[in-house]
Amino acid sequence: MRTIIVSAGVALLLALFGTPLAIRVFSRRGYGQLIREEGPAAHATKRGTPTMGGTVIVIATLIGYVVGHLLTSDAITTSGVLVRRCRSCGTSGRPSACCRSCCGSSS
């Protein structure tokens, strides 16, 4: 139980403080929302808004998991290793061999 609380706390802090930093970095690099001209005029205000897509949340969760297990001396479980290996399904858009064999993803 202690591991879960520590992991969640670390992930929460990283996500809360990492999101503003990531927004600045994404804005500087030009990772902004593209708005089609034929869309509603109200959407034009979104132009240039950074698109995070949960990047900070995924990274914060992975770091929180590892730090929580290191700080509480709990062993990292097999399922935790599989989740960390298969994270490429959500981050790269191309499933790894692990995901194709474990999750049955065909793309």
PDB file of N, CA and C in Angstrom:
ATOM      1  N   MET A   1       0.823  -1.193   0.000  1.00  0.00           N
ATOM      2  CA  MET A   1       0.000   0.000   0.000  1.00  0.00           C
ATOM      3  C   MET A   1       0.871   1.263   0.000  1.00  0.00           C
ATOM      4  N   ARG A   2       1.961   1.190   0.755  1.00  0.00           N
ATOM      5  CA  ARG A   2       2.857   2.342   0.838  1.00  0.00           C
ATOM      6  C   ARG A   2       3.481   2.670  -0.520  1.00  0.00           C
ATOM      7  N   THR A   3       3.786   1.629  -1.273  1.00  0.00           N
ATOM      8  CA  THR A   3       4.378   1.825  -2.600  1.00  0.00           C
ATOM      9  C   THR A   3       3.420   2.569  -3.517  1.00  0.00           C
ATOM     10  N   ILE A   4       2.143   2.210  -3.461  1.00  0.00           N
ATOM     11  CA  ILE A   4       1.137   2.870  -4.303  1.00  0.00           C
ATOM     12  C   ILE A   4       1.021   4.347  -3.949  1.00  0.00           C
ATOM     13  N   ILE A   5       1.005   4.650  -2.667  1.00  0.00           N
ATOM     14  CA  ILE A   5       0.875   6.048  -2.229  1.00  0.00           C
ATOM     15  C   ILE A   5       2.105   6.859  -2.649  1.00  0.00           C
ATOM     16  N   VAL A   6       3.296   6.295  -2.461  1.00  0.00           N
ATOM     17  CA  VAL A   6       4.521   6.998  -2.849  1.00  0.00           C
ATOM     18  C   VAL A   6       4.556   7.189  -4.365  1.00  0.00           C
ATOM     19  N   SER A   7       4.221   6.138  -5.117  1.00  0.00           N
ATOM     20  CA  SER A   7       4.222   6.232  -6.579  1.00  0.00           C
ATOM     21  C   SER A   7       3.231   7.282  -7.067  1.00  0.00           C
ATOM     22  N   ALA A   8       2.026   7.269  -6.491  1.00  0.00           N
ATOM     23  CA  ALA A   8       1.005   8.235  -6.902  1.00  0.00           C
ATOM     24  C   ALA A   8       1.419   9.657  -6.548  1.00  0.00           C
ATOM     25  N   GLY A   9       2.016   9.845  -5.373  1.00  0.00           N
ATOM     26  CA  GLY A   9       2.467  11.181  -4.971  1.00  0.00           C
ATOM     27  C   GLY A   9       3.563  11.725  -5.877  1.00  0.00           C
ATOM     28  N   VAL A  10       4.524  10.877  -6.196  1.00  0.00           N
ATOM     29  CA  VAL A  10       5.614  11.298  -7.087  1.00  0.00           C
ATOM     30  C   VAL A  10       5.063  11.626  -8.468  1.00  0.00           C
ATOM     31  N   ALA A  11       4.183  10.764  -8.991  1.00  0.00           N
ATOM     32  CA  ALA A  11       3.600  10.992 -10.315  1.00  0.00           C
ATOM     33  C   ALA A  11       2.773  12.276 -10.334  1.00  0.00           C
ATOM     34  N   LEU A  12       2.007  12.520  -9.273  1.00  0.00           N
ATOM     35  CA  LEU A  12       1.196  13.735  -9.193  1.00  0.00           C
ATOM     36  C   LEU A  12       2.068  14.983  -9.201  1.00  0.00           C
ATOM     37  N   LEU A  13       3.109  14.992  -8.388  1.00  0.00           N
ATOM     38  CA  LEU A  13       3.991  16.155  -8.333  1.00  0.00           C
ATOM     39  C   LEU A  13       4.705  16.385  -9.666  1.00  0.00           C
ATOM     40  N   LEU A  14       5.181  15.304 -10.267  1.00  0.00           N
ATOM     41  CA  LEU A  14       5.852  15.444 -11.565  1.00  0.00           C
ATOM     42  C   LEU A  14       4.890  15.963 -12.635  1.00  0.00           C
ATOM     43  N   ALA A  15       3.657  15.469 -12.629  1.00  0.00           N
ATOM     44  CA  ALA A  15       2.676  15.920 -13.622  1.00  0.00           C
ATOM     45  C   ALA A  15       2.288  17.379 -13.390  1.00  0.00           C
ATOM     46  N   LEU A  16       2.091  17.754 -12.127  1.00  0.00           N
ATOM     47  CA  LEU A  16       1.692  19.137 -11.827  1.00  0.00           C
ATOM     48  C   LEU A  16       2.784  20.140 -12.176  1.00  0.00           C
ATOM     49  N   PHE A  17       4.009  19.810 -11.825  1.00  0.00           N
ATOM     50  CA  PHE A  17       5.098  20.754 -12.081  1.00  0.00           C
ATOM     51  C   PHE A  17       5.715  20.571 -13.470  1.00  0.00           C
ATOM     52  N   GLY A  18       5.567  19.380 -14.046  1.00  0.00           N
ATOM     53  CA  GLY A  18       6.129  19.125 -15.359  1.00  0.00           C
ATOM     54  C   GLY A  18       5.282  19.653 -16.504  1.00  0.00           C
ATOM     55  N   THR A  19       3.968  19.765 -16.285  1.00  0.00           N
ATOM     56  CA  THR A  19       3.085  20.219 -17.357  1.00  0.00           C
ATOM     57  C   THR A  19       3.396  21.643 -17.810  1.00  0.00           C
ATOM     58  N   PRO A  20       3.528  22.629 -16.903  1.00  0.00           N
ATOM     59  CA  PRO A  20       3.883  23.976 -17.369  1.00  0.00           C
ATOM     60  C   PRO A  20       5.230  24.019 -18.090  1.00  0.00           C
ATOM     61  N   LEU A  21       6.188  23.248 -17.603  1.00  0.00           N
ATOM     62  CA  LEU A  21       7.489  23.180 -18.258  1.00  0.00           C
ATOM     63  C   LEU A  21       7.351  22.589 -19.657  1.00  0.00           C
ATOM     64  N   ALA A  22       6.587  21.498 -19.775  1.00  0.00           N
ATOM     65  CA  ALA A  22       6.393  20.863 -21.083  1.00  0.00           C
ATOM     66  C   ALA A  22       5.668  21.797 -22.051  1.00  0.00           C
ATOM     67  N   ILE A  23       4.697  22.563 -21.556  1.00  0.00           N
ATOM     68  CA  ILE A  23       3.976  23.501 -22.415  1.00  0.00           C
ATOM     69  C   ILE A  23       4.933  24.546 -22.975  1.00  0.00           C
ATOM     70  N   ARG A  24       5.834  25.060 -22.129  1.00  0.00           N
ATOM     71  CA  ARG A  24       6.814  26.043 -22.614  1.00  0.00           C
ATOM     72  C   ARG A  24       7.743  25.420 -23.651  1.00  0.00           C
ATOM     73  N   VAL A  25       8.200  24.199 -23.385  1.00  0.00           N
ATOM     74  CA  VAL A  25       9.104  23.525 -24.324  1.00  0.00           C
ATOM     75  C   VAL A  25       8.390  23.247 -25.643  1.00  0.00           C
ATOM     76  N   PHE A  26       7.162  22.729 -25.568  1.00  0.00           N
ATOM     77  CA  PHE A  26       6.411  22.428 -26.792  1.00  0.00           C
ATOM     78  C   PHE A  26       6.104  23.694 -27.575  1.00  0.00           C
ATOM     79  N   SER A  27       5.813  24.788 -26.888  1.00  0.00           N
ATOM     80  CA  SER A  27       5.543  26.056 -27.576  1.00  0.00           C
ATOM     81  C   SER A  27       6.787  26.558 -28.288  1.00  0.00           C
ATOM     82  N   ARG A  28       7.931  26.472 -27.609  1.00  0.00           N
ATOM     83  CA  ARG A  28       9.183  26.925 -28.201  1.00  0.00           C
ATOM     84  C   ARG A  28       9.547  26.113 -29.444  1.00  0.00           C
ATOM     85  N   ARG A  29       9.244  24.829 -29.410  1.00  0.00           N
ATOM     86  CA  ARG A  29       9.584  23.959 -30.542  1.00  0.00           C
ATOM     87  C   ARG A  29       8.524  23.968 -31.636  1.00  0.00           C
ATOM     88  N   GLY A  30       7.411  24.641 -31.393  1.00  0.00           N
ATOM     89  CA  GLY A  30       6.386  24.772 -32.421  1.00  0.00           C
ATOM     90  C   GLY A  30       5.422  23.607 -32.519  1.00  0.00           C
ATOM     91  N   TYR A  31       5.297  22.816 -31.457  1.00  0.00           N
ATOM     92  CA  TYR A  31       4.325  21.726 -31.449  1.00  0.00           C
ATOM     93  C   TYR A  31       2.968  22.298 -31.063  1.00  0.00           C
ATOM     94  N   GLY A  32       2.338  22.964 -31.998  1.00  0.00           N
ATOM     95  CA  GLY A  32       1.073  23.631 -31.701  1.00  0.00           C
ATOM     96  C   GLY A  32      -0.094  23.026 -32.438  1.00  0.00           C
ATOM     97  N   GLN A  33      -1.277  23.379 -32.003  1.00  0.00           N
ATOM     98  CA  GLN A  33      -2.513  22.899 -32.593  1.00  0.00           C
ATOM     99  C   GLN A  33      -2.705  23.510 -33.976  1.00  0.00           C
ATOM    100  N   LEU A  34      -2.939  22.673 -34.971  1.00  0.00           N
ATOM    101  CA  LEU A  34      -3.223  23.150 -36.314  1.00  0.00           C
ATOM    102  C   LEU A  34      -4.736  23.285 -36.465  1.00  0.00           C
ATOM    103  N   ILE A  35      -5.181  24.421 -36.941  1.00  0.00           N
ATOM    104  CA  ILE A  35      -6.608  24.681 -37.113  1.00  0.00           C
ATOM    105  C   ILE A  35      -6.884  24.853 -38.598  1.00  0.00           C
ATOM    106  N   ARG A  36      -7.844  24.081 -39.110  1.00  0.00           N
ATOM    107  CA  ARG A  36      -8.206  24.214 -40.525  1.00  0.00           C
ATOM    108  C   ARG A  36      -8.974  25.517 -40.738  1.00  0.00           C
ATOM    109  N   GLU A  37      -8.777  26.123 -41.882  1.00  0.00           N
ATOM    110  CA  GLU A  37      -9.428  27.403 -42.179  1.00  0.00           C
ATOM    111  C   GLU A  37     -10.926  27.268 -42.318  1.00  0.00           C
ATOM    112  N   GLU A  38     -11.417  26.103 -42.771  1.00  0.00           N
ATOM    113  CA  GLU A  38     -12.856  25.953 -42.963  1.00  0.00           C
ATOM    114  C   GLU A  38     -13.597  25.607 -41.673  1.00  0.00           C
ATOM    115  N   GLY A  39     -12.897  25.495 -40.569  1.00  0.00           N
ATOM    116  CA  GLY A  39     -13.526  25.203 -39.284  1.00  0.00           C
ATOM    117  C   GLY A  39     -14.210  26.426 -38.692  1.00  0.00           C
ATOM    118  N   PRO A  40     -14.883  26.247 -37.558  1.00  0.00           N
ATOM    119  CA  PRO A  40     -15.557  27.369 -36.902  1.00  0.00           C
ATOM    120  C   PRO A  40     -14.566  28.465 -36.509  1.00  0.00           C
ATOM    121  N   ALA A  41     -15.026  29.704 -36.551  1.00  0.00           N
ATOM    122  CA  ALA A  41     -14.157  30.847 -36.226  1.00  0.00           C
ATOM    123  C   ALA A  41     -13.687  30.797 -34.770  1.00  0.00           C
ATOM    124  N   ALA A  42     -14.492  30.236 -33.897  1.00  0.00           N
ATOM    125  CA  ALA A  42     -14.123  30.159 -32.478  1.00  0.00           C
ATOM    126  C   ALA A  42     -12.890  29.279 -32.264  1.00  0.00           C
ATOM    127  N   HIS A  43     -12.647  28.349 -33.177  1.00  0.00           N
ATOM    128  CA  HIS A  43     -11.480  27.474 -33.030  1.00  0.00           C
ATOM    129  C   HIS A  43     -10.170  28.178 -33.376  1.00  0.00           C
ATOM    130  N   ALA A  44     -10.248  29.317 -34.010  1.00  0.00           N
ATOM    131  CA  ALA A  44      -9.027  30.041 -34.384  1.00  0.00           C
ATOM    132  C   ALA A  44      -8.242  30.472 -33.155  1.00  0.00           C
ATOM    133  N   THR A  45      -8.914  30.623 -32.022  1.00  0.00           N
ATOM    134  CA  THR A  45      -8.203  31.012 -30.797  1.00  0.00           C
ATOM    135  C   THR A  45      -7.303  29.899 -30.287  1.00  0.00           C
ATOM    136  N   LYS A  46      -7.540  28.661 -30.731  1.00  0.00           N
ATOM    137  CA  LYS A  46      -6.718  27.531 -30.302  1.00  0.00           C
ATOM    138  C   LYS A  46      -5.408  27.440 -31.077  1.00  0.00           C
ATOM    139  N   ARG A  47      -5.283  28.187 -32.146  1.00  0.00           N
ATOM    140  CA  ARG A  47      -4.100  28.100 -33.003  1.00  0.00           C
ATOM    141  C   ARG A  47      -2.832  28.324 -32.174  1.00  0.00           C
ATOM    142  N   GLY A  48      -1.889  27.384 -32.295  1.00  0.00           N
ATOM    143  CA  GLY A  48      -0.621  27.497 -31.589  1.00  0.00           C
ATOM    144  C   GLY A  48      -0.627  26.898 -30.197  1.00  0.00           C
ATOM    145  N   THR A  49      -1.788  26.442 -29.717  1.00  0.00           N
ATOM    146  CA  THR A  49      -1.844  25.823 -28.402  1.00  0.00           C
ATOM    147  C   THR A  49      -1.070  24.509 -28.447  1.00  0.00           C
ATOM    148  N   PRO A  50      -0.143  24.282 -27.511  1.00  0.00           N
ATOM    149  CA  PRO A  50       0.644  23.051 -27.538  1.00  0.00           C
ATOM    150  C   PRO A  50      -0.242  21.817 -27.371  1.00  0.00           C
ATOM    151  N   THR A  51       0.057  20.783 -28.131  1.00  0.00           N
ATOM    152  CA  THR A  51      -0.667  19.523 -28.021  1.00  0.00           C
ATOM    153  C   THR A  51       0.193  18.549 -27.237  1.00  0.00           C
ATOM    154  N   MET A  52      -0.210  18.271 -26.014  1.00  0.00           N
ATOM    155  CA  MET A  52       0.561  17.400 -25.141  1.00  0.00           C
ATOM    156  C   MET A  52       0.211  15.944 -25.357  1.00  0.00           C
ATOM    157  N   GLY A  53      -1.050  15.643 -25.485  1.00  0.00           N
ATOM    158  CA  GLY A  53      -1.471  14.265 -25.685  1.00  0.00           C
ATOM    159  C   GLY A  53      -1.144  13.342 -24.532  1.00  0.00           C
ATOM    160  N   GLY A  54      -1.007  13.852 -23.333  1.00  0.00           N
ATOM    161  CA  GLY A  54      -0.747  13.006 -22.175  1.00  0.00           C
ATOM    162  C   GLY A  54       0.702  12.616 -21.995  1.00  0.00           C
ATOM    163  N   THR A  55       1.593  13.224 -22.757  1.00  0.00           N
ATOM    164  CA  THR A  55       3.013  12.874 -22.674  1.00  0.00           C
ATOM    165  C   THR A  55       3.543  13.025 -21.254  1.00  0.00           C
ATOM    166  N   VAL A  56       3.250  14.140 -20.631  1.00  0.00           N
ATOM    167  CA  VAL A  56       3.753  14.388 -19.277  1.00  0.00           C
ATOM    168  C   VAL A  56       3.152  13.387 -18.294  1.00  0.00           C
ATOM    169  N   ILE A  57       1.877  13.069 -18.460  1.00  0.00           N
ATOM    170  CA  ILE A  57       1.211  12.142 -17.540  1.00  0.00           C
ATOM    171  C   ILE A  57       1.808  10.739 -17.663  1.00  0.00           C
ATOM    172  N   VAL A  58       2.048  10.292 -18.877  1.00  0.00           N
ATOM    173  CA  VAL A  58       2.630   8.956 -19.073  1.00  0.00           C
ATOM    174  C   VAL A  58       4.030   8.895 -18.480  1.00  0.00           C
ATOM    175  N   ILE A  59       4.854   9.895 -18.755  1.00  0.00           N
ATOM    176  CA  ILE A  59       6.225   9.909 -18.236  1.00  0.00           C
ATOM    177  C   ILE A  59       6.225  10.012 -16.710  1.00  0.00           C
ATOM    178  N   ALA A  60       5.357  10.867 -16.152  1.00  0.00           N
ATOM    179  CA  ALA A  60       5.274  11.016 -14.698  1.00  0.00           C
ATOM    180  C   ALA A  60       4.841   9.711 -14.038  1.00  0.00           C
ATOM    181  N   THR A  61       3.920   8.994 -14.653  1.00  0.00           N
ATOM    182  CA  THR A  61       3.459   7.725 -14.100  1.00  0.00           C
ATOM    183  C   THR A  61       4.572   6.683 -14.104  1.00  0.00           C
ATOM    184  N   LEU A  62       5.315   6.609 -15.192  1.00  0.00           N
ATOM    185  CA  LEU A  62       6.418   5.648 -15.263  1.00  0.00           C
ATOM    186  C   LEU A  62       7.503   5.964 -14.237  1.00  0.00           C
ATOM    187  N   ILE A  63       7.856   7.232 -14.133  1.00  0.00           N
ATOM    188  CA  ILE A  63       8.873   7.631 -13.142  1.00  0.00           C
ATOM    189  C   ILE A  63       8.357   7.391 -11.728  1.00  0.00           C
ATOM    190  N   GLY A  64       7.093   7.723 -11.483  1.00  0.00           N
ATOM    191  CA  GLY A  64       6.494   7.487 -10.166  1.00  0.00           C
ATOM    192  C   GLY A  64       6.521   6.022  -9.780  1.00  0.00           C
ATOM    193  N   TYR A  65       6.236   5.147 -10.733  1.00  0.00           N
ATOM    194  CA  TYR A  65       6.262   3.703 -10.475  1.00  0.00           C
ATOM    195  C   TYR A  65       7.655   3.254 -10.032  1.00  0.00           C
ATOM    196  N   VAL A  66       8.666   3.658 -10.785  1.00  0.00           N
ATOM    197  CA  VAL A  66      10.032   3.235 -10.475  1.00  0.00           C
ATOM    198  C   VAL A  66      10.500   3.830  -9.146  1.00  0.00           C
ATOM    199  N   VAL A  67      10.272   5.128  -8.945  1.00  0.00           N
ATOM    200  CA  VAL A  67      10.706   5.782  -7.701  1.00  0.00           C
ATOM    201  C   VAL A  67       9.985   5.192  -6.493  1.00  0.00           C
ATOM    202  N   GLY A  68       8.694   4.940  -6.627  1.00  0.00           N
ATOM    203  CA  GLY A  68       7.937   4.345  -5.526  1.00  0.00           C
ATOM    204  C   GLY A  68       8.487   2.997  -5.118  1.00  0.00           C
ATOM    205  N   HIS A  69       8.852   2.191  -6.097  1.00  0.00           N
ATOM    206  CA  HIS A  69       9.413   0.876  -5.780  1.00  0.00           C
ATOM    207  C   HIS A  69      10.824   0.974  -5.220  1.00  0.00           C
ATOM    208  N   LEU A  70      11.592   1.933  -5.690  1.00  0.00           N
ATOM    209  CA  LEU A  70      12.950   2.102  -5.163  1.00  0.00           C
ATOM    210  C   LEU A  70      12.927   2.618  -3.721  1.00  0.00           C
ATOM    211  N   LEU A  71      12.060   3.584  -3.444  1.00  0.00           N
ATOM    212  CA  LEU A  71      12.021   4.173  -2.104  1.00  0.00           C
ATOM    213  C   LEU A  71      11.465   3.224  -1.050  1.00  0.00           C
ATOM    214  N   THR A  72      10.539   2.347  -1.438  1.00  0.00           N
ATOM    215  CA  THR A  72       9.938   1.429  -0.460  1.00  0.00           C
ATOM    216  C   THR A  72      10.572   0.046  -0.496  1.00  0.00           C
ATOM    217  N   SER A  73      11.577  -0.147  -1.321  1.00  0.00           N
ATOM    218  CA  SER A  73      12.287  -1.430  -1.457  1.00  0.00           C
ATOM    219  C   SER A  73      11.377  -2.577  -1.869  1.00  0.00           C
ATOM    220  N   ASP A  74      10.279  -2.262  -2.540  1.00  0.00           N
ATOM    221  CA  ASP A  74       9.418  -3.296  -3.102  1.00  0.00           C
ATOM    222  C   ASP A  74      10.014  -3.768  -4.419  1.00  0.00           C
ATOM    223  N   ALA A  75       9.836  -5.027  -4.714  1.00  0.00           N
ATOM    224  CA  ALA A  75      10.327  -5.555  -5.986  1.00  0.00           C
ATOM    225  C   ALA A  75       9.440  -5.048  -7.122  1.00  0.00           C
ATOM    226  N   ILE A  76      10.057  -4.757  -8.248  1.00  0.00           N
ATOM    227  CA  ILE A  76       9.299  -4.363  -9.430  1.00  0.00           C
ATOM    228  C   ILE A  76       8.689  -5.627 -10.010  1.00  0.00           C
ATOM    229  N   THR A  77       7.382  -5.606 -10.228  1.00  0.00           N
ATOM    230  CA  THR A  77       6.662  -6.797 -10.658  1.00  0.00           C
ATOM    231  C   THR A  77       6.810  -7.048 -12.160  1.00  0.00           C
ATOM    232  N   THR A  78       6.492  -8.254 -12.561  1.00  0.00           N
ATOM    233  CA  THR A  78       6.548  -8.620 -13.978  1.00  0.00           C
ATOM    234  C   THR A  78       5.568  -7.781 -14.780  1.00  0.00           C
ATOM    235  N   SER A  79       4.378  -7.547 -14.230  1.00  0.00           N
ATOM    236  CA  SER A  79       3.395  -6.737 -14.957  1.00  0.00           C
ATOM    237  C   SER A  79       3.890  -5.302 -15.115  1.00  0.00           C
ATOM    238  N   GLY A  80       4.593  -4.790 -14.117  1.00  0.00           N
ATOM    239  CA  GLY A  80       5.155  -3.447 -14.230  1.00  0.00           C
ATOM    240  C   GLY A  80       6.197  -3.359 -15.328  1.00  0.00           C
ATOM    241  N   VAL A  81       7.005  -4.398 -15.467  1.00  0.00           N
ATOM    242  CA  VAL A  81       8.015  -4.430 -16.526  1.00  0.00           C
ATOM    243  C   VAL A  81       7.338  -4.484 -17.890  1.00  0.00           C
ATOM    244  N   LEU A  82       6.268  -5.278 -18.013  1.00  0.00           N
ATOM    245  CA  LEU A  82       5.546  -5.368 -19.290  1.00  0.00           C
ATOM    246  C   LEU A  82       4.911  -4.040 -19.668  1.00  0.00           C
ATOM    247  N   VAL A  83       4.337  -3.356 -18.690  1.00  0.00           N
ATOM    248  CA  VAL A  83       3.735  -2.051 -18.963  1.00  0.00           C
ATOM    249  C   VAL A  83       4.807  -1.076 -19.430  1.00  0.00           C
ATOM    250  N   ARG A  84       5.961  -1.082 -18.788  1.00  0.00           N
ATOM    251  CA  ARG A  84       7.034  -0.181 -19.194  1.00  0.00           C
ATOM    252  C   ARG A  84       7.548  -0.539 -20.585  1.00  0.00           C
ATOM    253  N   ARG A  85       7.631  -1.827 -20.905  1.00  0.00           N
ATOM    254  CA  ARG A  85       8.104  -2.234 -22.236  1.00  0.00           C
ATOM    255  C   ARG A  85       7.097  -1.887 -23.318  1.00  0.00           C
ATOM    256  N   CYS A  86       5.805  -1.991 -22.994  1.00  0.00           N
ATOM    257  CA  CYS A  86       4.761  -1.787 -23.996  1.00  0.00           C
ATOM    258  C   CYS A  86       4.310  -0.329 -24.088  1.00  0.00           C
ATOM    259  N   ARG A  87       4.948   0.567 -23.401  1.00  0.00           N
ATOM    260  CA  ARG A  87       4.533   1.974 -23.443  1.00  0.00           C
ATOM    261  C   ARG A  87       4.661   2.560 -24.843  1.00  0.00           C
ATOM    262  N   SER A  88       5.449   1.918 -25.693  1.00  0.00           N
ATOM    263  CA  SER A  88       5.625   2.446 -27.046  1.00  0.00           C
ATOM    264  C   SER A  88       4.332   2.402 -27.848  1.00  0.00           C
ATOM    265  N   CYS A  89       3.378   1.576 -27.458  1.00  0.00           N
ATOM    266  CA  CYS A  89       2.086   1.550 -28.162  1.00  0.00           C
ATOM    267  C   CYS A  89       1.429   2.928 -28.116  1.00  0.00           C
ATOM    268  N   GLY A  90       1.480   3.570 -26.974  1.00  0.00           N
ATOM    269  CA  GLY A  90       0.822   4.859 -26.828  1.00  0.00           C
ATOM    270  C   GLY A  90       1.690   6.042 -27.184  1.00  0.00           C
ATOM    271  N   THR A  91       3.001   5.894 -27.121  1.00  0.00           N
ATOM    272  CA  THR A  91       3.853   7.056 -27.347  1.00  0.00           C
ATOM    273  C   THR A  91       4.354   7.181 -28.772  1.00  0.00           C
ATOM    274  N   SER A  92       4.544   6.043 -29.457  1.00  0.00           N
ATOM    275  CA  SER A  92       5.090   6.151 -30.807  1.00  0.00           C
ATOM    276  C   SER A  92       4.057   5.910 -31.890  1.00  0.00           C
ATOM    277  N   GLY A  93       2.926   5.319 -31.524  1.00  0.00           N
ATOM    278  CA  GLY A  93       1.921   4.996 -32.521  1.00  0.00           C
ATOM    279  C   GLY A  93       2.215   3.709 -33.251  1.00  0.00           C
ATOM    280  N   ARG A  94       3.385   3.117 -33.004  1.00  0.00           N
ATOM    281  CA  ARG A  94       3.752   1.846 -33.628  1.00  0.00           C
ATOM    282  C   ARG A  94       3.985   0.830 -32.526  1.00  0.00           C
ATOM    283  N   PRO A  95       3.144  -0.189 -32.429  1.00  0.00           N
ATOM    284  CA  PRO A  95       3.312  -1.179 -31.364  1.00  0.00           C
ATOM    285  C   PRO A  95       4.608  -1.968 -31.511  1.00  0.00           C
ATOM    286  N   SER A  96       5.238  -2.235 -30.409  1.00  0.00           N
ATOM    287  CA  SER A  96       6.450  -3.050 -30.424  1.00  0.00           C
ATOM    288  C   SER A  96       6.059  -4.519 -30.548  1.00  0.00           C
ATOM    289  N   ALA A  97       7.044  -5.372 -30.721  1.00  0.00           N
ATOM    290  CA  ALA A  97       6.771  -6.809 -30.816  1.00  0.00           C
ATOM    291  C   ALA A  97       6.125  -7.308 -29.534  1.00  0.00           C
ATOM    292  N   CYS A  98       6.523  -6.739 -28.399  1.00  0.00           N
ATOM    293  CA  CYS A  98       5.924  -7.115 -27.115  1.00  0.00           C
ATOM    294  C   CYS A  98       4.436  -6.839 -27.131  1.00  0.00           C
ATOM    295  N   CYS A  99       4.030  -5.698 -27.616  1.00  0.00           N
ATOM    296  CA  CYS A  99       2.610  -5.347 -27.631  1.00  0.00           C
ATOM    297  C   CYS A  99       1.833  -6.232 -28.591  1.00  0.00           C
ATOM    298  N   ARG A 100       2.414  -6.535 -29.729  1.00  0.00           N
ATOM    299  CA  ARG A 100       1.711  -7.388 -30.690  1.00  0.00           C
ATOM    300  C   ARG A 100       1.491  -8.781 -30.113  1.00  0.00           C
ATOM    301  N   SER A 101       2.458  -9.283 -29.362  1.00  0.00           N
ATOM    302  CA  SER A 101       2.302 -10.626 -28.823  1.00  0.00           C
ATOM    303  C   SER A 101       1.443 -10.653 -27.562  1.00  0.00           C
ATOM    304  N   CYS A 102       1.556  -9.621 -26.709  1.00  0.00           N
ATOM    305  CA  CYS A 102       0.817  -9.624 -25.440  1.00  0.00           C
ATOM    306  C   CYS A 102      -0.594  -9.063 -25.578  1.00  0.00           C
ATOM    307  N   CYS A 103      -0.719  -7.959 -26.267  1.00  0.00           N
ATOM    308  CA  CYS A 103      -1.986  -7.232 -26.321  1.00  0.00           C
ATOM    309  C   CYS A 103      -2.808  -7.572 -27.553  1.00  0.00           C
ATOM    310  N   GLY A 104      -2.214  -8.240 -28.510  1.00  0.00           N
ATOM    311  CA  GLY A 104      -2.936  -8.611 -29.715  1.00  0.00           C
ATOM    312  C   GLY A 104      -3.142  -7.452 -30.677  1.00  0.00           C
ATOM    313  N   SER A 105      -2.352  -6.397 -30.555  1.00  0.00           N
ATOM    314  CA  SER A 105      -2.481  -5.255 -31.445  1.00  0.00           C
ATOM    315  C   SER A 105      -1.959  -5.630 -32.820  1.00  0.00           C
ATOM    316  N   SER A 106      -2.713  -5.275 -33.862  1.00  0.00           N
ATOM    317  CA  SER A 106      -2.316  -5.689 -35.198  1.00  0.00           C
ATOM    318  C   SER A 106      -1.700  -4.576 -36.027  1.00  0.00           C
ATOM    319  N   SER A 107      -1.704  -3.336 -35.552  1.00  0.00           N
ATOM    320  CA  SER A 107      -1.166  -2.246 -36.373  1.00  0.00           C
ATOM    321  C   SER A 107       0.296  -2.060 -36.176  1.00  0.00           C
TER     322      SER A 107
END
